[in-house]
Amino acid sequence: MNANTDLIDRYFAAWNEADPASRRELIAATWSTTGTYLDPLLSGDGHAGIDAMIRAVHERFPRHTFRRTTDVDGFANRLRFSWELVTPDGTPIVKGSDFGVVDTAGRLQAVTGFLDAAPGAA
């Protein structure tokens, strides 16, 4: 496993972590302190903003999990990967692709997410 794959696997571990203290530890290990996340539905700035965003997803989709569906592709300090959000029984309900920027310390500086498939999307 390379450093980029490890970083993105921690990223998904943070998204899937229900325990607030453990999630904050994962966010701190994965994101720069000034990191940002943006997609068509959500945004978060800094560790607290990213934590609040993830907490809101847990409240809306209890016991759902995110999983990476592609290898992590990257060059220089840029990454891309795809994912899906699955129900507790494993049914995918949302699919997307994310693009990230990694800082010099190897943490995420920015992630931009795109929804590839979502309920009600045309």
PDB file of N, CA and C in Angstrom:
ATOM      1  N   MET A   1       0.851  -1.174   0.000  1.00  0.00           N
ATOM      2  CA  MET A   1       0.000   0.000   0.000  1.00  0.00           C
ATOM      3  C   MET A   1       0.897   1.239   0.000  1.00  0.00           C
ATOM      4  N   ASN A   2       0.561   2.224  -0.834  1.00  0.00           N
ATOM      5  CA  ASN A   2       1.376   3.432  -0.861  1.00  0.00           C
ATOM      6  C   ASN A   2       0.803   4.497   0.075  1.00  0.00           C
ATOM      7  N   ALA A   3       1.537   5.574   0.248  1.00  0.00           N
ATOM      8  CA  ALA A   3       1.126   6.624   1.189  1.00  0.00           C
ATOM      9  C   ALA A   3      -0.209   7.244   0.802  1.00  0.00           C
ATOM     10  N   ASN A   4      -0.464   7.421  -0.495  1.00  0.00           N
ATOM     11  CA  ASN A   4      -1.736   8.002  -0.916  1.00  0.00           C
ATOM     12  C   ASN A   4      -2.909   7.087  -0.596  1.00  0.00           C
ATOM     13  N   THR A   5      -2.741   5.801  -0.819  1.00  0.00           N
ATOM     14  CA  THR A   5      -3.812   4.855  -0.496  1.00  0.00           C
ATOM     15  C   THR A   5      -4.063   4.832   0.998  1.00  0.00           C
ATOM     16  N   ASP A   6      -3.004   4.827   1.794  1.00  0.00           N
ATOM     17  CA  ASP A   6      -3.141   4.857   3.247  1.00  0.00           C
ATOM     18  C   ASP A   6      -3.876   6.121   3.694  1.00  0.00           C
ATOM     19  N   LEU A   7      -3.530   7.267   3.115  1.00  0.00           N
ATOM     20  CA  LEU A   7      -4.184   8.531   3.449  1.00  0.00           C
ATOM     21  C   LEU A   7      -5.670   8.466   3.137  1.00  0.00           C
ATOM     22  N   ILE A   8      -6.032   7.979   1.971  1.00  0.00           N
ATOM     23  CA  ILE A   8      -7.437   7.936   1.588  1.00  0.00           C
ATOM     24  C   ILE A   8      -8.195   6.872   2.376  1.00  0.00           C
ATOM     25  N   ASP A   9      -7.563   5.792   2.737  1.00  0.00           N
ATOM     26  CA  ASP A   9      -8.226   4.821   3.607  1.00  0.00           C
ATOM     27  C   ASP A   9      -8.508   5.425   4.989  1.00  0.00           C
ATOM     28  N   ARG A  10      -7.603   6.273   5.505  1.00  0.00           N
ATOM     29  CA  ARG A  10      -7.873   6.998   6.764  1.00  0.00           C
ATOM     30  C   ARG A  10      -9.024   7.983   6.565  1.00  0.00           C
ATOM     31  N   TYR A  11      -9.053   8.628   5.407  1.00  0.00           N
ATOM     32  CA  TYR A  11     -10.142   9.546   5.059  1.00  0.00           C
ATOM     33  C   TYR A  11     -11.491   8.830   5.187  1.00  0.00           C
ATOM     34  N   PHE A  12     -11.595   7.619   4.610  1.00  0.00           N
ATOM     35  CA  PHE A  12     -12.849   6.869   4.720  1.00  0.00           C
ATOM     36  C   PHE A  12     -13.081   6.362   6.131  1.00  0.00           C
ATOM     37  N   ALA A  13     -12.041   6.018   6.845  1.00  0.00           N
ATOM     38  CA  ALA A  13     -12.208   5.609   8.245  1.00  0.00           C
ATOM     39  C   ALA A  13     -12.815   6.752   9.055  1.00  0.00           C
ATOM     40  N   ALA A  14     -12.384   7.983   8.786  1.00  0.00           N
ATOM     41  CA  ALA A  14     -12.961   9.142   9.481  1.00  0.00           C
ATOM     42  C   ALA A  14     -14.431   9.304   9.118  1.00  0.00           C
ATOM     43  N   TRP A  15     -14.770   9.184   7.836  1.00  0.00           N
ATOM     44  CA  TRP A  15     -16.174   9.288   7.416  1.00  0.00           C
ATOM     45  C   TRP A  15     -17.033   8.223   8.081  1.00  0.00           C
ATOM     46  N   ASN A  16     -16.475   7.049   8.331  1.00  0.00           N
ATOM     47  CA  ASN A  16     -17.257   5.934   8.869  1.00  0.00           C
ATOM     48  C   ASN A  16     -17.243   5.847  10.383  1.00  0.00           C
ATOM     49  N   GLU A  17     -16.429   6.641  11.051  1.00  0.00           N
ATOM     50  CA  GLU A  17     -16.284   6.542  12.503  1.00  0.00           C
ATOM     51  C   GLU A  17     -17.452   7.229  13.213  1.00  0.00           C
ATOM     52  N   ALA A  18     -18.213   6.465  13.984  1.00  0.00           N
ATOM     53  CA  ALA A  18     -19.368   7.006  14.709  1.00  0.00           C
ATOM     54  C   ALA A  18     -18.970   7.628  16.048  1.00  0.00           C
ATOM     55  N   ASP A  19     -17.891   7.157  16.649  1.00  0.00           N
ATOM     56  CA  ASP A  19     -17.466   7.690  17.942  1.00  0.00           C
ATOM     57  C   ASP A  19     -16.821   9.060  17.726  1.00  0.00           C
ATOM     58  N   PRO A  20     -17.377  10.127  18.337  1.00  0.00           N
ATOM     59  CA  PRO A  20     -16.860  11.478  18.087  1.00  0.00           C
ATOM     60  C   PRO A  20     -15.375  11.658  18.405  1.00  0.00           C
ATOM     61  N   ALA A  21     -14.896  11.121  19.517  1.00  0.00           N
ATOM     62  CA  ALA A  21     -13.488  11.305  19.881  1.00  0.00           C
ATOM     63  C   ALA A  21     -12.573  10.579  18.888  1.00  0.00           C
ATOM     64  N   SER A  22     -12.926   9.362  18.530  1.00  0.00           N
ATOM     65  CA  SER A  22     -12.124   8.613  17.557  1.00  0.00           C
ATOM     66  C   SER A  22     -12.156   9.291  16.195  1.00  0.00           C
ATOM     67  N   ARG A  23     -13.317   9.820  15.811  1.00  0.00           N
ATOM     68  CA  ARG A  23     -13.421  10.512  14.522  1.00  0.00           C
ATOM     69  C   ARG A  23     -12.534  11.752  14.498  1.00  0.00           C
ATOM     70  N   ARG A  24     -12.528  12.526  15.583  1.00  0.00           N
ATOM     71  CA  ARG A  24     -11.671  13.721  15.632  1.00  0.00           C
ATOM     72  C   ARG A  24     -10.196  13.348  15.534  1.00  0.00           C
ATOM     73  N   GLU A  25      -9.788  12.232  16.153  1.00  0.00           N
ATOM     74  CA  GLU A  25      -8.400  11.766  16.038  1.00  0.00           C
ATOM     75  C   GLU A  25      -8.061  11.403  14.597  1.00  0.00           C
ATOM     76  N   LEU A  26      -8.976  10.721  13.926  1.00  0.00           N
ATOM     77  CA  LEU A  26      -8.751  10.364  12.522  1.00  0.00           C
ATOM     78  C   LEU A  26      -8.678  11.604  11.642  1.00  0.00           C
ATOM     79  N   ILE A  27      -9.540  12.568  11.889  1.00  0.00           N
ATOM     80  CA  ILE A  27      -9.509  13.817  11.119  1.00  0.00           C
ATOM     81  C   ILE A  27      -8.167  14.509  11.315  1.00  0.00           C
ATOM     82  N   ALA A  28      -7.688  14.584  12.551  1.00  0.00           N
ATOM     83  CA  ALA A  28      -6.402  15.242  12.826  1.00  0.00           C
ATOM     84  C   ALA A  28      -5.242  14.514  12.149  1.00  0.00           C
ATOM     85  N   ALA A  29      -5.331  13.197  12.038  1.00  0.00           N
ATOM     86  CA  ALA A  29      -4.271  12.418  11.403  1.00  0.00           C
ATOM     87  C   ALA A  29      -4.331  12.475   9.877  1.00  0.00           C
ATOM     88  N   THR A  30      -5.468  12.908   9.337  1.00  0.00           N
ATOM     89  CA  THR A  30      -5.705  12.843   7.898  1.00  0.00           C
ATOM     90  C   THR A  30      -5.702  14.205   7.226  1.00  0.00           C
ATOM     91  N   TRP A  31      -6.178  15.213   7.915  1.00  0.00           N
ATOM     92  CA  TRP A  31      -6.380  16.548   7.331  1.00  0.00           C
ATOM     93  C   TRP A  31      -5.416  17.568   7.925  1.00  0.00           C
ATOM     94  N   SER A  32      -4.975  18.517   7.100  1.00  0.00           N
ATOM     95  CA  SER A  32      -4.237  19.664   7.630  1.00  0.00           C
ATOM     96  C   SER A  32      -5.215  20.480   8.481  1.00  0.00           C
ATOM     97  N   THR A  33      -4.693  21.297   9.369  1.00  0.00           N
ATOM     98  CA  THR A  33      -5.576  22.087  10.249  1.00  0.00           C
ATOM     99  C   THR A  33      -6.427  23.076   9.468  1.00  0.00           C
ATOM    100  N   THR A  34      -5.986  23.449   8.275  1.00  0.00           N
ATOM    101  CA  THR A  34      -6.751  24.385   7.439  1.00  0.00           C
ATOM    102  C   THR A  34      -7.417  23.678   6.264  1.00  0.00           C
ATOM    103  N   GLY A  35      -7.557  22.358   6.348  1.00  0.00           N
ATOM    104  CA  GLY A  35      -8.137  21.584   5.262  1.00  0.00           C
ATOM    105  C   GLY A  35      -9.573  21.980   4.968  1.00  0.00           C
ATOM    106  N   THR A  36      -9.970  21.769   3.711  1.00  0.00           N
ATOM    107  CA  THR A  36     -11.325  22.096   3.286  1.00  0.00           C
ATOM    108  C   THR A  36     -11.926  20.941   2.496  1.00  0.00           C
ATOM    109  N   TYR A  37     -13.240  20.792   2.623  1.00  0.00           N
ATOM    110  CA  TYR A  37     -13.996  19.816   1.852  1.00  0.00           C
ATOM    111  C   TYR A  37     -15.159  20.544   1.204  1.00  0.00           C
ATOM    112  N   LEU A  38     -15.447  20.207  -0.063  1.00  0.00           N
ATOM    113  CA  LEU A  38     -16.558  20.828  -0.768  1.00  0.00           C
ATOM    114  C   LEU A  38     -17.138  19.839  -1.763  1.00  0.00           C
ATOM    115  N   ASP A  39     -18.458  19.657  -1.713  1.00  0.00           N
ATOM    116  CA  ASP A  39     -19.174  18.917  -2.748  1.00  0.00           C
ATOM    117  C   ASP A  39     -20.496  19.642  -2.992  1.00  0.00           C
ATOM    118  N   PRO A  40     -21.353  19.170  -3.900  1.00  0.00           N
ATOM    119  CA  PRO A  40     -22.585  19.913  -4.179  1.00  0.00           C
ATOM    120  C   PRO A  40     -23.542  20.057  -2.995  1.00  0.00           C
ATOM    121  N   LEU A  41     -23.380  19.219  -1.969  1.00  0.00           N
ATOM    122  CA  LEU A  41     -24.307  19.236  -0.835  1.00  0.00           C
ATOM    123  C   LEU A  41     -23.688  19.659   0.486  1.00  0.00           C
ATOM    124  N   LEU A  42     -22.379  19.512   0.628  1.00  0.00           N
ATOM    125  CA  LEU A  42     -21.710  19.703   1.914  1.00  0.00           C
ATOM    126  C   LEU A  42     -20.446  20.521   1.768  1.00  0.00           C
ATOM    127  N   SER A  43     -20.048  21.144   2.878  1.00  0.00           N
ATOM    128  CA  SER A  43     -18.737  21.774   2.937  1.00  0.00           C
ATOM    129  C   SER A  43     -18.284  21.805   4.385  1.00  0.00           C
ATOM    130  N   GLY A  44     -16.980  21.816   4.553  1.00  0.00           N
ATOM    131  CA  GLY A  44     -16.403  21.900   5.881  1.00  0.00           C
ATOM    132  C   GLY A  44     -15.025  22.519   5.807  1.00  0.00           C
ATOM    133  N   ASP A  45     -14.719  23.381   6.769  1.00  0.00           N
ATOM    134  CA  ASP A  45     -13.422  24.057   6.834  1.00  0.00           C
ATOM    135  C   ASP A  45     -12.762  23.753   8.161  1.00  0.00           C
ATOM    136  N   GLY A  46     -11.505  23.326   8.103  1.00  0.00           N
ATOM    137  CA  GLY A  46     -10.761  23.017   9.316  1.00  0.00           C
ATOM    138  C   GLY A  46     -11.278  21.748   9.968  1.00  0.00           C
ATOM    139  N   HIS A  47     -10.577  21.303  10.990  1.00  0.00           N
ATOM    140  CA  HIS A  47     -10.950  20.053  11.654  1.00  0.00           C
ATOM    141  C   HIS A  47     -12.361  20.103  12.216  1.00  0.00           C
ATOM    142  N   ALA A  48     -12.739  21.193  12.855  1.00  0.00           N
ATOM    143  CA  ALA A  48     -14.078  21.285  13.456  1.00  0.00           C
ATOM    144  C   ALA A  48     -15.161  21.276  12.387  1.00  0.00           C
ATOM    145  N   GLY A  49     -14.939  21.979  11.292  1.00  0.00           N
ATOM    146  CA  GLY A  49     -15.936  22.022  10.228  1.00  0.00           C
ATOM    147  C   GLY A  49     -16.095  20.687   9.530  1.00  0.00           C
ATOM    148  N   ILE A  50     -14.991  19.979   9.337  1.00  0.00           N
ATOM    149  CA  ILE A  50     -15.051  18.661   8.710  1.00  0.00           C
ATOM    150  C   ILE A  50     -15.736  17.674   9.644  1.00  0.00           C
ATOM    151  N   ASP A  51     -15.447  17.752  10.928  1.00  0.00           N
ATOM    152  CA  ASP A  51     -16.108  16.889  11.902  1.00  0.00           C
ATOM    153  C   ASP A  51     -17.615  17.151  11.920  1.00  0.00           C
ATOM    154  N   ALA A  52     -18.024  18.403  11.920  1.00  0.00           N
ATOM    155  CA  ALA A  52     -19.455  18.739  11.934  1.00  0.00           C
ATOM    156  C   ALA A  52     -20.147  18.208  10.677  1.00  0.00           C
ATOM    157  N   MET A  53     -19.483  18.313   9.552  1.00  0.00           N
ATOM    158  CA  MET A  53     -20.034  17.828   8.293  1.00  0.00           C
ATOM    159  C   MET A  53     -20.235  16.311   8.352  1.00  0.00           C
ATOM    160  N   ILE A  54     -19.227  15.582   8.796  1.00  0.00           N
ATOM    161  CA  ILE A  54     -19.334  14.128   8.894  1.00  0.00           C
ATOM    162  C   ILE A  54     -20.410  13.735   9.898  1.00  0.00           C
ATOM    163  N   ARG A  55     -20.478  14.429  11.018  1.00  0.00           N
ATOM    164  CA  ARG A  55     -21.513  14.144  12.019  1.00  0.00           C
ATOM    165  C   ARG A  55     -22.905  14.302  11.408  1.00  0.00           C
ATOM    166  N   ALA A  56     -23.108  15.338  10.590  1.00  0.00           N
ATOM    167  CA  ALA A  56     -24.404  15.556   9.941  1.00  0.00           C
ATOM    168  C   ALA A  56     -24.758  14.405   9.003  1.00  0.00           C
ATOM    169  N   VAL A  57     -23.763  13.863   8.309  1.00  0.00           N
ATOM    170  CA  VAL A  57     -24.014  12.717   7.432  1.00  0.00           C
ATOM    171  C   VAL A  57     -24.420  11.506   8.271  1.00  0.00           C
ATOM    172  N   HIS A  58     -23.761  11.292   9.402  1.00  0.00           N
ATOM    173  CA  HIS A  58     -24.130  10.177  10.286  1.00  0.00           C
ATOM    174  C   HIS A  58     -25.560  10.339  10.800  1.00  0.00           C
ATOM    175  N   GLU A  59     -25.965  11.565  11.094  1.00  0.00           N
ATOM    176  CA  GLU A  59     -27.326  11.792  11.581  1.00  0.00           C
ATOM    177  C   GLU A  59     -28.356  11.527  10.487  1.00  0.00           C
ATOM    178  N   ARG A  60     -28.033  11.887   9.266  1.00  0.00           N
ATOM    179  CA  ARG A  60     -28.972  11.697   8.150  1.00  0.00           C
ATOM    180  C   ARG A  60     -28.986  10.253   7.659  1.00  0.00           C
ATOM    181  N   PHE A  61     -27.845   9.583   7.707  1.00  0.00           N
ATOM    182  CA  PHE A  61     -27.718   8.212   7.198  1.00  0.00           C
ATOM    183  C   PHE A  61     -27.130   7.296   8.265  1.00  0.00           C
ATOM    184  N   PRO A  62     -27.874   7.031   9.334  1.00  0.00           N
ATOM    185  CA  PRO A  62     -27.319   6.204  10.414  1.00  0.00           C
ATOM    186  C   PRO A  62     -26.939   4.807   9.921  1.00  0.00           C
ATOM    187  N   ARG A  63     -25.773   4.344  10.392  1.00  0.00           N
ATOM    188  CA  ARG A  63     -25.233   3.009  10.124  1.00  0.00           C
ATOM    189  C   ARG A  63     -24.894   2.775   8.659  1.00  0.00           C
ATOM    190  N   HIS A  64     -24.935   3.807   7.820  1.00  0.00           N
ATOM    191  CA  HIS A  64     -24.461   3.706   6.449  1.00  0.00           C
ATOM    192  C   HIS A  64     -22.941   3.874   6.460  1.00  0.00           C
ATOM    193  N   THR A  65     -22.272   3.339   5.463  1.00  0.00           N
ATOM    194  CA  THR A  65     -20.824   3.463   5.399  1.00  0.00           C
ATOM    195  C   THR A  65     -20.369   3.834   3.994  1.00  0.00           C
ATOM    196  N   PHE A  66     -19.225   4.487   3.955  1.00  0.00           N
ATOM    197  CA  PHE A  66     -18.570   4.814   2.702  1.00  0.00           C
ATOM    198  C   PHE A  66     -17.496   3.770   2.430  1.00  0.00           C
ATOM    199  N   ARG A  67     -17.339   3.447   1.149  1.00  0.00           N
ATOM    200  CA  ARG A  67     -16.243   2.554   0.781  1.00  0.00           C
ATOM    201  C   ARG A  67     -15.644   3.020  -0.548  1.00  0.00           C
ATOM    202  N   ARG A  68     -14.351   2.878  -0.622  1.00  0.00           N
ATOM    203  CA  ARG A  68     -13.617   3.231  -1.841  1.00  0.00           C
ATOM    204  C   ARG A  68     -13.893   2.174  -2.888  1.00  0.00           C
ATOM    205  N   THR A  69     -14.149   2.611  -4.132  1.00  0.00           N
ATOM    206  CA  THR A  69     -14.476   1.664  -5.200  1.00  0.00           C
ATOM    207  C   THR A  69     -13.415   1.617  -6.302  1.00  0.00           C
ATOM    208  N   THR A  70     -12.401   2.449  -6.196  1.00  0.00           N
ATOM    209  CA  THR A  70     -11.310   2.450  -7.178  1.00  0.00           C
ATOM    210  C   THR A  70      -9.987   2.537  -6.439  1.00  0.00           C
ATOM    211  N   ASP A  71      -8.931   2.282  -7.168  1.00  0.00           N
ATOM    212  CA  ASP A  71      -7.608   2.576  -6.630  1.00  0.00           C
ATOM    213  C   ASP A  71      -7.470   4.088  -6.491  1.00  0.00           C
ATOM    214  N   VAL A  72      -6.522   4.509  -5.677  1.00  0.00           N
ATOM    215  CA  VAL A  72      -6.206   5.927  -5.543  1.00  0.00           C
ATOM    216  C   VAL A  72      -5.193   6.256  -6.627  1.00  0.00           C
ATOM    217  N   ASP A  73      -5.571   7.183  -7.480  1.00  0.00           N
ATOM    218  CA  ASP A  73      -4.714   7.601  -8.585  1.00  0.00           C
ATOM    219  C   ASP A  73      -4.159   8.973  -8.240  1.00  0.00           C
ATOM    220  N   GLY A  74      -2.913   9.223  -8.583  1.00  0.00           N
ATOM    221  CA  GLY A  74      -2.380  10.529  -8.273  1.00  0.00           C
ATOM    222  C   GLY A  74      -1.053  10.818  -8.926  1.00  0.00           C
ATOM    223  N   PHE A  75      -0.739  12.098  -8.935  1.00  0.00           N
ATOM    224  CA  PHE A  75       0.575  12.563  -9.348  1.00  0.00           C
ATOM    225  C   PHE A  75       0.822  13.880  -8.640  1.00  0.00           C
ATOM    226  N   ALA A  76       2.109  14.221  -8.486  1.00  0.00           N
ATOM    227  CA  ALA A  76       2.500  15.410  -7.714  1.00  0.00           C
ATOM    228  C   ALA A  76       1.748  15.359  -6.383  1.00  0.00           C
ATOM    229  N   ASN A  77       1.014  16.400  -6.056  1.00  0.00           N
ATOM    230  CA  ASN A  77       0.263  16.404  -4.795  1.00  0.00           C
ATOM    231  C   ASN A  77      -1.245  16.311  -5.031  1.00  0.00           C
ATOM    232  N   ARG A  78      -1.659  15.718  -6.153  1.00  0.00           N
ATOM    233  CA  ARG A  78      -3.073  15.593  -6.519  1.00  0.00           C
ATOM    234  C   ARG A  78      -3.506  14.125  -6.502  1.00  0.00           C
ATOM    235  N   LEU A  79      -4.734  13.888  -6.036  1.00  0.00           N
ATOM    236  CA  LEU A  79      -5.284  12.535  -5.941  1.00  0.00           C
ATOM    237  C   LEU A  79      -6.689  12.500  -6.519  1.00  0.00           C
ATOM    238  N   ARG A  80      -7.099  11.304  -6.970  1.00  0.00           N
ATOM    239  CA  ARG A  80      -8.499  11.083  -7.325  1.00  0.00           C
ATOM    240  C   ARG A  80      -8.861   9.649  -6.988  1.00  0.00           C
ATOM    241  N   PHE A  81     -10.136   9.464  -6.644  1.00  0.00           N
ATOM    242  CA  PHE A  81     -10.636   8.148  -6.273  1.00  0.00           C
ATOM    243  C   PHE A  81     -12.160   8.207  -6.287  1.00  0.00           C
ATOM    244  N   SER A  82     -12.774   7.046  -6.396  1.00  0.00           N
ATOM    245  CA  SER A  82     -14.233   6.974  -6.387  1.00  0.00           C
ATOM    246  C   SER A  82     -14.691   6.162  -5.183  1.00  0.00           C
ATOM    247  N   TRP A  83     -15.965   6.310  -4.862  1.00  0.00           N
ATOM    248  CA  TRP A  83     -16.505   5.736  -3.639  1.00  0.00           C
ATOM    249  C   TRP A  83     -18.006   5.502  -3.805  1.00  0.00           C
ATOM    250  N   GLU A  84     -18.572   4.835  -2.807  1.00  0.00           N
ATOM    251  CA  GLU A  84     -20.023   4.712  -2.713  1.00  0.00           C
ATOM    252  C   GLU A  84     -20.432   4.718  -1.252  1.00  0.00           C
ATOM    253  N   LEU A  85     -21.647   5.209  -1.024  1.00  0.00           N
ATOM    254  CA  LEU A  85     -22.275   5.167   0.296  1.00  0.00           C
ATOM    255  C   LEU A  85     -23.244   4.003   0.261  1.00  0.00           C
ATOM    256  N   VAL A  86     -23.099   3.090   1.222  1.00  0.00           N
ATOM    257  CA  VAL A  86     -23.934   1.896   1.232  1.00  0.00           C
ATOM    258  C   VAL A  86     -24.791   1.834   2.487  1.00  0.00           C
ATOM    259  N   THR A  87     -25.977   1.246   2.329  1.00  0.00           N
ATOM    260  CA  THR A  87     -26.899   1.037   3.437  1.00  0.00           C
ATOM    261  C   THR A  87     -26.327  -0.038   4.362  1.00  0.00           C
ATOM    262  N   PRO A  88     -26.916  -0.204   5.551  1.00  0.00           N
ATOM    263  CA  PRO A  88     -26.424  -1.256   6.442  1.00  0.00           C
ATOM    264  C   PRO A  88     -26.442  -2.653   5.810  1.00  0.00           C
ATOM    265  N   ASP A  89     -27.318  -2.894   4.828  1.00  0.00           N
ATOM    266  CA  ASP A  89     -27.327  -4.208   4.175  1.00  0.00           C
ATOM    267  C   ASP A  89     -26.394  -4.286   2.972  1.00  0.00           C
ATOM    268  N   GLY A  90     -25.629  -3.200   2.701  1.00  0.00           N
ATOM    269  CA  GLY A  90     -24.634  -3.208   1.646  1.00  0.00           C
ATOM    270  C   GLY A  90     -25.093  -2.694   0.292  1.00  0.00           C
ATOM    271  N   THR A  91     -26.296  -2.133   0.217  1.00  0.00           N
ATOM    272  CA  THR A  91     -26.803  -1.603  -1.043  1.00  0.00           C
ATOM    273  C   THR A  91     -26.265  -0.199  -1.288  1.00  0.00           C
ATOM    274  N   PRO A  92     -25.593   0.038  -2.404  1.00  0.00           N
ATOM    275  CA  PRO A  92     -25.102   1.391  -2.699  1.00  0.00           C
ATOM    276  C   PRO A  92     -26.267   2.339  -3.007  1.00  0.00           C
ATOM    277  N   ILE A  93     -26.241   3.522  -2.397  1.00  0.00           N
ATOM    278  CA  ILE A  93     -27.306   4.499  -2.667  1.00  0.00           C
ATOM    279  C   ILE A  93     -26.766   5.795  -3.271  1.00  0.00           C
ATOM    280  N   VAL A  94     -25.492   6.069  -3.087  1.00  0.00           N
ATOM    281  CA  VAL A  94     -24.850   7.245  -3.673  1.00  0.00           C
ATOM    282  C   VAL A  94     -23.458   6.815  -4.130  1.00  0.00           C
ATOM    283  N   LYS A  95     -23.049   7.336  -5.298  1.00  0.00           N
ATOM    284  CA  LYS A  95     -21.695   7.071  -5.792  1.00  0.00           C
ATOM    285  C   LYS A  95     -21.068   8.398  -6.160  1.00  0.00           C
ATOM    286  N   GLY A  96     -19.754   8.496  -5.960  1.00  0.00           N
ATOM    287  CA  GLY A  96     -19.086   9.742  -6.273  1.00  0.00           C
ATOM    288  C   GLY A  96     -17.617   9.564  -6.582  1.00  0.00           C
ATOM    289  N   SER A  97     -17.018  10.673  -6.986  1.00  0.00           N
ATOM    290  CA  SER A  97     -15.582  10.745  -7.247  1.00  0.00           C
ATOM    291  C   SER A  97     -15.041  11.978  -6.553  1.00  0.00           C
ATOM    292  N   ASP A  98     -13.932  11.816  -5.875  1.00  0.00           N
ATOM    293  CA  ASP A  98     -13.314  12.917  -5.149  1.00  0.00           C
ATOM    294  C   ASP A  98     -11.933  13.204  -5.713  1.00  0.00           C
ATOM    295  N   PHE A  99     -11.558  14.468  -5.621  1.00  0.00           N
ATOM    296  CA  PHE A  99     -10.247  14.932  -6.049  1.00  0.00           C
ATOM    297  C   PHE A  99      -9.619  15.639  -4.860  1.00  0.00           C
ATOM    298  N   GLY A 100      -8.382  15.295  -4.528  1.00  0.00           N
ATOM    299  CA  GLY A 100      -7.742  15.857  -3.351  1.00  0.00           C
ATOM    300  C   GLY A 100      -6.408  16.498  -3.642  1.00  0.00           C
ATOM    301  N   VAL A 101      -6.040  17.390  -2.739  1.00  0.00           N
ATOM    302  CA  VAL A 101      -4.727  18.028  -2.744  1.00  0.00           C
ATOM    303  C   VAL A 101      -4.068  17.676  -1.419  1.00  0.00           C
ATOM    304  N   VAL A 102      -2.827  17.197  -1.474  1.00  0.00           N
ATOM    305  CA  VAL A 102      -2.087  16.778  -0.291  1.00  0.00           C
ATOM    306  C   VAL A 102      -1.047  17.841   0.044  1.00  0.00           C
ATOM    307  N   ASP A 103      -0.946  18.196   1.331  1.00  0.00           N
ATOM    308  CA  ASP A 103       0.049  19.201   1.731  1.00  0.00           C
ATOM    309  C   ASP A 103       1.428  18.563   1.879  1.00  0.00           C
ATOM    310  N   THR A 104       2.418  19.370   2.215  1.00  0.00           N
ATOM    311  CA  THR A 104       3.799  18.883   2.301  1.00  0.00           C
ATOM    312  C   THR A 104       4.009  17.895   3.455  1.00  0.00           C
ATOM    313  N   ALA A 105       3.098  17.880   4.432  1.00  0.00           N
ATOM    314  CA  ALA A 105       3.192  16.939   5.546  1.00  0.00           C
ATOM    315  C   ALA A 105       2.479  15.621   5.245  1.00  0.00           C
ATOM    316  N   GLY A 106       1.883  15.507   4.045  1.00  0.00           N
ATOM    317  CA  GLY A 106       1.194  14.274   3.684  1.00  0.00           C
ATOM    318  C   GLY A 106      -0.233  14.189   4.170  1.00  0.00           C
ATOM    319  N   ARG A 107      -0.811  15.324   4.516  1.00  0.00           N
ATOM    320  CA  ARG A 107      -2.219  15.364   4.948  1.00  0.00           C
ATOM    321  C   ARG A 107      -3.046  16.045   3.875  1.00  0.00           C
ATOM    322  N   LEU A 108      -4.350  15.790   3.915  1.00  0.00           N
ATOM    323  CA  LEU A 108      -5.245  16.417   2.943  1.00  0.00           C
ATOM    324  C   LEU A 108      -5.360  17.912   3.210  1.00  0.00           C
ATOM    325  N   GLN A 109      -5.155  18.699   2.179  1.00  0.00           N
ATOM    326  CA  GLN A 109      -5.354  20.147   2.250  1.00  0.00           C
ATOM    327  C   GLN A 109      -6.728  20.525   1.720  1.00  0.00           C
ATOM    328  N   ALA A 110      -7.178  19.820   0.684  1.00  0.00           N
ATOM    329  CA  ALA A 110      -8.482  20.104   0.090  1.00  0.00           C
ATOM    330  C   ALA A 110      -9.002  18.852  -0.590  1.00  0.00           C
ATOM    331  N   VAL A 111     -10.318  18.658  -0.496  1.00  0.00           N
ATOM    332  CA  VAL A 111     -11.008  17.608  -1.238  1.00  0.00           C
ATOM    333  C   VAL A 111     -12.234  18.238  -1.876  1.00  0.00           C
ATOM    334  N   THR A 112     -12.402  17.967  -3.171  1.00  0.00           N
ATOM    335  CA  THR A 112     -13.590  18.387  -3.900  1.00  0.00           C
ATOM    336  C   THR A 112     -14.291  17.103  -4.337  1.00  0.00           C
ATOM    337  N   GLY A 113     -15.565  16.991  -3.980  1.00  0.00           N
ATOM    338  CA  GLY A 113     -16.331  15.794  -4.292  1.00  0.00           C
ATOM    339  C   GLY A 113     -17.372  16.047  -5.374  1.00  0.00           C
ATOM    340  N   PHE A 114     -17.569  15.048  -6.222  1.00  0.00           N
ATOM    341  CA  PHE A 114     -18.589  15.084  -7.254  1.00  0.00           C
ATOM    342  C   PHE A 114     -19.499  13.875  -7.075  1.00  0.00           C
ATOM    343  N   LEU A 115     -20.808  14.080  -7.220  1.00  0.00           N
ATOM    344  CA  LEU A 115     -21.759  12.990  -7.124  1.00  0.00           C
ATOM    345  C   LEU A 115     -21.948  12.392  -8.519  1.00  0.00           C
ATOM    346  N   ASP A 116     -21.630  11.115  -8.644  1.00  0.00           N
ATOM    347  CA  ASP A 116     -21.778  10.411  -9.916  1.00  0.00           C
ATOM    348  C   ASP A 116     -23.161   9.790 -10.059  1.00  0.00           C
ATOM    349  N   ALA A 117     -23.752   9.377  -8.953  1.00  0.00           N
ATOM    350  CA  ALA A 117     -25.095   8.784  -8.940  1.00  0.00           C
ATOM    351  C   ALA A 117     -25.694   9.004  -7.562  1.00  0.00           C
ATOM    352  N   ALA A 118     -26.927   9.519  -7.544  1.00  0.00           N
ATOM    353  CA  ALA A 118     -27.619   9.774  -6.285  1.00  0.00           C
ATOM    354  C   ALA A 118     -29.113   9.616  -6.519  1.00  0.00           C
ATOM    355  N   PRO A 119     -29.885   9.264  -5.483  1.00  0.00           N
ATOM    356  CA  PRO A 119     -31.329   9.154  -5.662  1.00  0.00           C
ATOM    357  C   PRO A 119     -31.922  10.450  -6.181  1.00  0.00           C
ATOM    358  N   GLY A 120     -32.751  10.351  -7.178  1.00  0.00           N
ATOM    359  CA  GLY A 120     -33.404  11.529  -7.724  1.00  0.00           C
ATOM    360  C   GLY A 120     -32.569  12.323  -8.702  1.00  0.00           C
ATOM    361  N   ALA A 121     -31.315  11.920  -8.908  1.00  0.00           N
ATOM    362  CA  ALA A 121     -30.457  12.641  -9.849  1.00  0.00           C
ATOM    363  C   ALA A 121     -30.789  12.177 -11.265  1.00  0.00           C
ATOM    364  N   ALA A 122     -30.825  13.115 -12.157  1.00  0.00           N
ATOM    365  CA  ALA A 122     -31.132  12.760 -13.539  1.00  0.00           C
ATOM    366  C   ALA A 122     -29.875  12.421 -14.309  1.00  0.00           C
TER     367      ALA A 122
END
